[in-house]
């Protein structure tokens, strides 16, 4: 499961700023994980995302990984 790295409010604030800061929607970013390496741990996913997109800040990368993990867990439950 994802590591909680920010408060829920901070997490939502970061996600809301991603499209403006990066020019890509959160959903577009989350699709990156479907095409990336499988079975990485949280920090490994953050590092991979940052290697692939060097202009993405560490904080945004962590927020995206956390959101991806939350949505993946919700799909498993649903």
N, C-alpha and C. Protein backbone atom coordinates (compact mmCIF):
# COMPACT_ATOMS: atom_id res chain seq x y z
N UNK A 1 0.84 -1.18 0.00
CA UNK A 1 0.00 0.00 0.00
C UNK A 1 0.88 1.24 0.00
N UNK A 2 0.34 2.31 -0.44
CA UNK A 2 1.04 3.58 -0.56
C UNK A 2 1.43 4.14 0.80
N UNK A 3 2.55 4.82 0.83
CA UNK A 3 2.96 5.53 2.04
C UNK A 3 2.22 6.86 2.09
N UNK A 4 1.69 7.21 3.26
CA UNK A 4 1.07 8.52 3.40
C UNK A 4 2.19 9.53 3.62
N UNK A 5 2.34 10.42 2.70
CA UNK A 5 3.46 11.34 2.74
C UNK A 5 3.03 12.77 3.04
N UNK A 6 1.78 13.05 2.83
CA UNK A 6 1.23 14.39 3.04
C UNK A 6 -0.10 14.23 3.76
N UNK A 7 -0.58 15.31 4.34
CA UNK A 7 -1.96 15.28 4.83
C UNK A 7 -2.88 15.15 3.61
N UNK A 8 -4.11 14.74 3.86
CA UNK A 8 -5.07 14.61 2.76
C UNK A 8 -5.26 15.94 2.05
N UNK A 9 -5.32 17.02 2.82
CA UNK A 9 -5.51 18.36 2.23
C UNK A 9 -4.32 18.74 1.35
N UNK A 10 -3.12 18.51 1.83
CA UNK A 10 -1.92 18.81 1.04
C UNK A 10 -1.89 17.97 -0.22
N UNK A 11 -2.23 16.69 -0.08
CA UNK A 11 -2.26 15.80 -1.23
C UNK A 11 -3.22 16.33 -2.30
N UNK A 12 -4.43 16.69 -1.90
CA UNK A 12 -5.42 17.21 -2.85
C UNK A 12 -4.95 18.53 -3.47
N UNK A 13 -4.32 19.39 -2.68
CA UNK A 13 -3.80 20.65 -3.22
C UNK A 13 -2.71 20.41 -4.25
N UNK A 14 -1.82 19.48 -3.97
CA UNK A 14 -0.77 19.15 -4.95
C UNK A 14 -1.39 18.62 -6.24
N UNK A 15 -2.34 17.70 -6.11
CA UNK A 15 -2.98 17.15 -7.31
C UNK A 15 -3.68 18.22 -8.13
N UNK A 16 -4.31 19.17 -7.46
CA UNK A 16 -5.04 20.21 -8.19
C UNK A 16 -4.10 21.12 -8.97
N UNK A 17 -2.86 21.24 -8.54
CA UNK A 17 -1.89 22.11 -9.22
C UNK A 17 -1.11 21.41 -10.33
N UNK A 18 -1.15 20.09 -10.37
CA UNK A 18 -0.36 19.35 -11.35
C UNK A 18 -0.68 19.75 -12.80
N UNK A 19 -1.95 19.83 -13.21
CA UNK A 19 -2.21 20.20 -14.62
C UNK A 19 -1.61 21.56 -15.00
N UNK A 20 -1.75 22.53 -14.12
CA UNK A 20 -1.21 23.86 -14.42
C UNK A 20 0.32 23.86 -14.47
N UNK A 21 0.93 23.14 -13.55
CA UNK A 21 2.40 23.13 -13.46
C UNK A 21 3.05 22.27 -14.53
N UNK A 22 2.37 21.21 -14.96
CA UNK A 22 3.00 20.27 -15.88
C UNK A 22 2.41 20.27 -17.28
N UNK A 23 1.20 20.84 -17.43
CA UNK A 23 0.55 20.82 -18.73
C UNK A 23 -0.12 19.48 -19.04
N UNK A 24 -0.20 18.60 -18.06
CA UNK A 24 -0.82 17.28 -18.23
C UNK A 24 -1.80 17.04 -17.10
N UNK A 25 -2.88 16.33 -17.41
CA UNK A 25 -3.87 16.01 -16.38
C UNK A 25 -3.32 14.93 -15.45
N UNK A 26 -3.92 14.85 -14.28
CA UNK A 26 -3.54 13.80 -13.33
C UNK A 26 -3.78 12.42 -13.96
N UNK A 27 -4.91 12.25 -14.63
CA UNK A 27 -5.21 10.96 -15.28
C UNK A 27 -4.15 10.60 -16.31
N UNK A 28 -3.68 11.58 -17.05
CA UNK A 28 -2.63 11.34 -18.03
C UNK A 28 -1.36 10.87 -17.32
N UNK A 29 -1.02 11.53 -16.24
CA UNK A 29 0.17 11.11 -15.47
C UNK A 29 0.00 9.69 -14.93
N UNK A 30 -1.20 9.37 -14.43
CA UNK A 30 -1.41 8.06 -13.83
C UNK A 30 -1.30 6.94 -14.86
N UNK A 31 -1.61 7.23 -16.11
CA UNK A 31 -1.43 6.23 -17.17
C UNK A 31 0.04 5.87 -17.35
N UNK A 32 0.94 6.75 -16.98
CA UNK A 32 2.37 6.46 -17.06
C UNK A 32 2.72 5.19 -16.28
N UNK A 33 2.07 4.99 -15.15
CA UNK A 33 2.36 3.83 -14.33
C UNK A 33 1.93 2.54 -14.99
N UNK A 34 0.85 2.58 -15.76
CA UNK A 34 0.40 1.39 -16.47
C UNK A 34 1.42 0.95 -17.52
N UNK A 35 2.19 1.89 -18.03
CA UNK A 35 3.19 1.60 -19.05
C UNK A 35 4.59 1.45 -18.47
N UNK A 36 4.73 1.66 -17.17
CA UNK A 36 6.04 1.61 -16.53
C UNK A 36 6.34 0.23 -15.97
N UNK A 37 7.47 0.13 -15.30
CA UNK A 37 7.85 -1.16 -14.71
C UNK A 37 6.87 -1.59 -13.62
N UNK A 38 6.62 -2.86 -13.55
CA UNK A 38 5.65 -3.40 -12.57
C UNK A 38 6.34 -3.70 -11.24
N UNK A 39 5.52 -3.74 -10.22
CA UNK A 39 5.92 -4.21 -8.89
C UNK A 39 7.06 -3.43 -8.25
N UNK A 40 7.05 -2.15 -8.41
CA UNK A 40 8.02 -1.31 -7.72
C UNK A 40 7.45 -0.85 -6.40
N UNK A 41 8.31 -0.63 -5.42
CA UNK A 41 7.88 -0.05 -4.15
C UNK A 41 7.66 1.45 -4.35
N UNK A 42 7.06 2.06 -3.34
CA UNK A 42 6.67 3.47 -3.42
C UNK A 42 7.81 4.37 -3.89
N UNK A 43 8.90 4.38 -3.16
CA UNK A 43 10.02 5.28 -3.50
C UNK A 43 10.65 4.92 -4.84
N UNK A 44 10.62 3.64 -5.19
CA UNK A 44 11.14 3.23 -6.50
C UNK A 44 10.27 3.78 -7.62
N UNK A 45 8.95 3.81 -7.40
CA UNK A 45 8.05 4.41 -8.41
C UNK A 45 8.31 5.91 -8.53
N UNK A 46 8.52 6.58 -7.38
CA UNK A 46 8.83 8.01 -7.41
C UNK A 46 10.11 8.24 -8.20
N UNK A 47 11.14 7.47 -7.90
CA UNK A 47 12.43 7.63 -8.60
C UNK A 47 12.29 7.34 -10.08
N UNK A 48 11.54 6.29 -10.44
CA UNK A 48 11.34 5.97 -11.85
C UNK A 48 10.63 7.10 -12.58
N UNK A 49 9.57 7.63 -11.97
CA UNK A 49 8.82 8.71 -12.60
C UNK A 49 9.69 9.94 -12.80
N UNK A 50 10.51 10.25 -11.82
CA UNK A 50 11.40 11.41 -11.94
C UNK A 50 12.49 11.18 -12.99
N UNK A 51 12.97 9.96 -13.12
CA UNK A 51 13.97 9.67 -14.17
C UNK A 51 13.35 9.84 -15.55
N UNK A 52 12.11 9.39 -15.69
CA UNK A 52 11.41 9.49 -16.98
C UNK A 52 11.03 10.93 -17.30
N UNK A 53 10.78 11.73 -16.28
CA UNK A 53 10.31 13.11 -16.46
C UNK A 53 11.09 14.01 -15.51
N UNK A 54 12.28 14.37 -15.92
CA UNK A 54 13.20 15.10 -15.03
C UNK A 54 12.68 16.47 -14.61
N UNK A 55 11.71 17.00 -15.33
CA UNK A 55 11.16 18.31 -14.97
C UNK A 55 10.08 18.20 -13.89
N UNK A 56 9.70 17.00 -13.50
CA UNK A 56 8.67 16.79 -12.48
C UNK A 56 9.32 16.86 -11.10
N UNK A 57 8.78 17.70 -10.24
CA UNK A 57 9.37 17.84 -8.90
C UNK A 57 9.12 16.58 -8.07
N UNK A 58 9.95 16.42 -7.06
CA UNK A 58 9.84 15.26 -6.18
C UNK A 58 8.48 15.23 -5.48
N UNK A 59 8.00 16.38 -5.01
CA UNK A 59 6.72 16.45 -4.32
C UNK A 59 5.56 16.03 -5.21
N UNK A 60 5.54 16.50 -6.45
CA UNK A 60 4.49 16.12 -7.38
C UNK A 60 4.58 14.63 -7.72
N UNK A 61 5.79 14.14 -7.88
CA UNK A 61 5.97 12.72 -8.18
C UNK A 61 5.42 11.87 -7.03
N UNK A 62 5.71 12.26 -5.79
CA UNK A 62 5.20 11.51 -4.64
C UNK A 62 3.67 11.56 -4.59
N UNK A 63 3.11 12.72 -4.88
CA UNK A 63 1.65 12.86 -4.87
C UNK A 63 1.02 11.96 -5.95
N UNK A 64 1.64 11.89 -7.12
CA UNK A 64 1.11 11.06 -8.19
C UNK A 64 1.21 9.58 -7.85
N UNK A 65 2.32 9.16 -7.26
CA UNK A 65 2.47 7.76 -6.88
C UNK A 65 1.44 7.40 -5.81
N UNK A 66 1.26 8.27 -4.85
CA UNK A 66 0.28 8.03 -3.79
C UNK A 66 -1.12 7.92 -4.39
N UNK A 67 -1.47 8.82 -5.29
CA UNK A 67 -2.79 8.78 -5.92
C UNK A 67 -2.97 7.51 -6.75
N UNK A 68 -1.94 7.13 -7.46
CA UNK A 68 -2.01 5.89 -8.25
C UNK A 68 -2.27 4.69 -7.34
N UNK A 69 -1.53 4.63 -6.23
CA UNK A 69 -1.71 3.51 -5.29
C UNK A 69 -3.11 3.52 -4.68
N UNK A 70 -3.63 4.70 -4.34
CA UNK A 70 -4.98 4.80 -3.80
C UNK A 70 -6.02 4.29 -4.80
N UNK A 71 -5.89 4.72 -6.05
CA UNK A 71 -6.86 4.31 -7.08
C UNK A 71 -6.75 2.83 -7.40
N UNK A 72 -5.53 2.32 -7.39
CA UNK A 72 -5.33 0.88 -7.65
C UNK A 72 -5.98 0.06 -6.54
N UNK A 73 -5.81 0.49 -5.30
CA UNK A 73 -6.42 -0.22 -4.17
C UNK A 73 -7.95 -0.15 -4.26
N UNK A 74 -8.48 0.99 -4.66
CA UNK A 74 -9.93 1.14 -4.80
C UNK A 74 -10.47 0.22 -5.90
N UNK A 75 -9.72 0.08 -6.99
CA UNK A 75 -10.15 -0.85 -8.07
C UNK A 75 -10.20 -2.28 -7.57
N UNK A 76 -9.23 -2.66 -6.74
CA UNK A 76 -9.20 -4.03 -6.21
C UNK A 76 -10.39 -4.30 -5.31
N UNK A 77 -10.80 -3.28 -4.56
CA UNK A 77 -11.93 -3.43 -3.65
C UNK A 77 -13.27 -3.40 -4.37
N UNK A 78 -13.29 -2.67 -5.50
CA UNK A 78 -14.54 -2.48 -6.23
C UNK A 78 -14.87 -3.60 -7.11
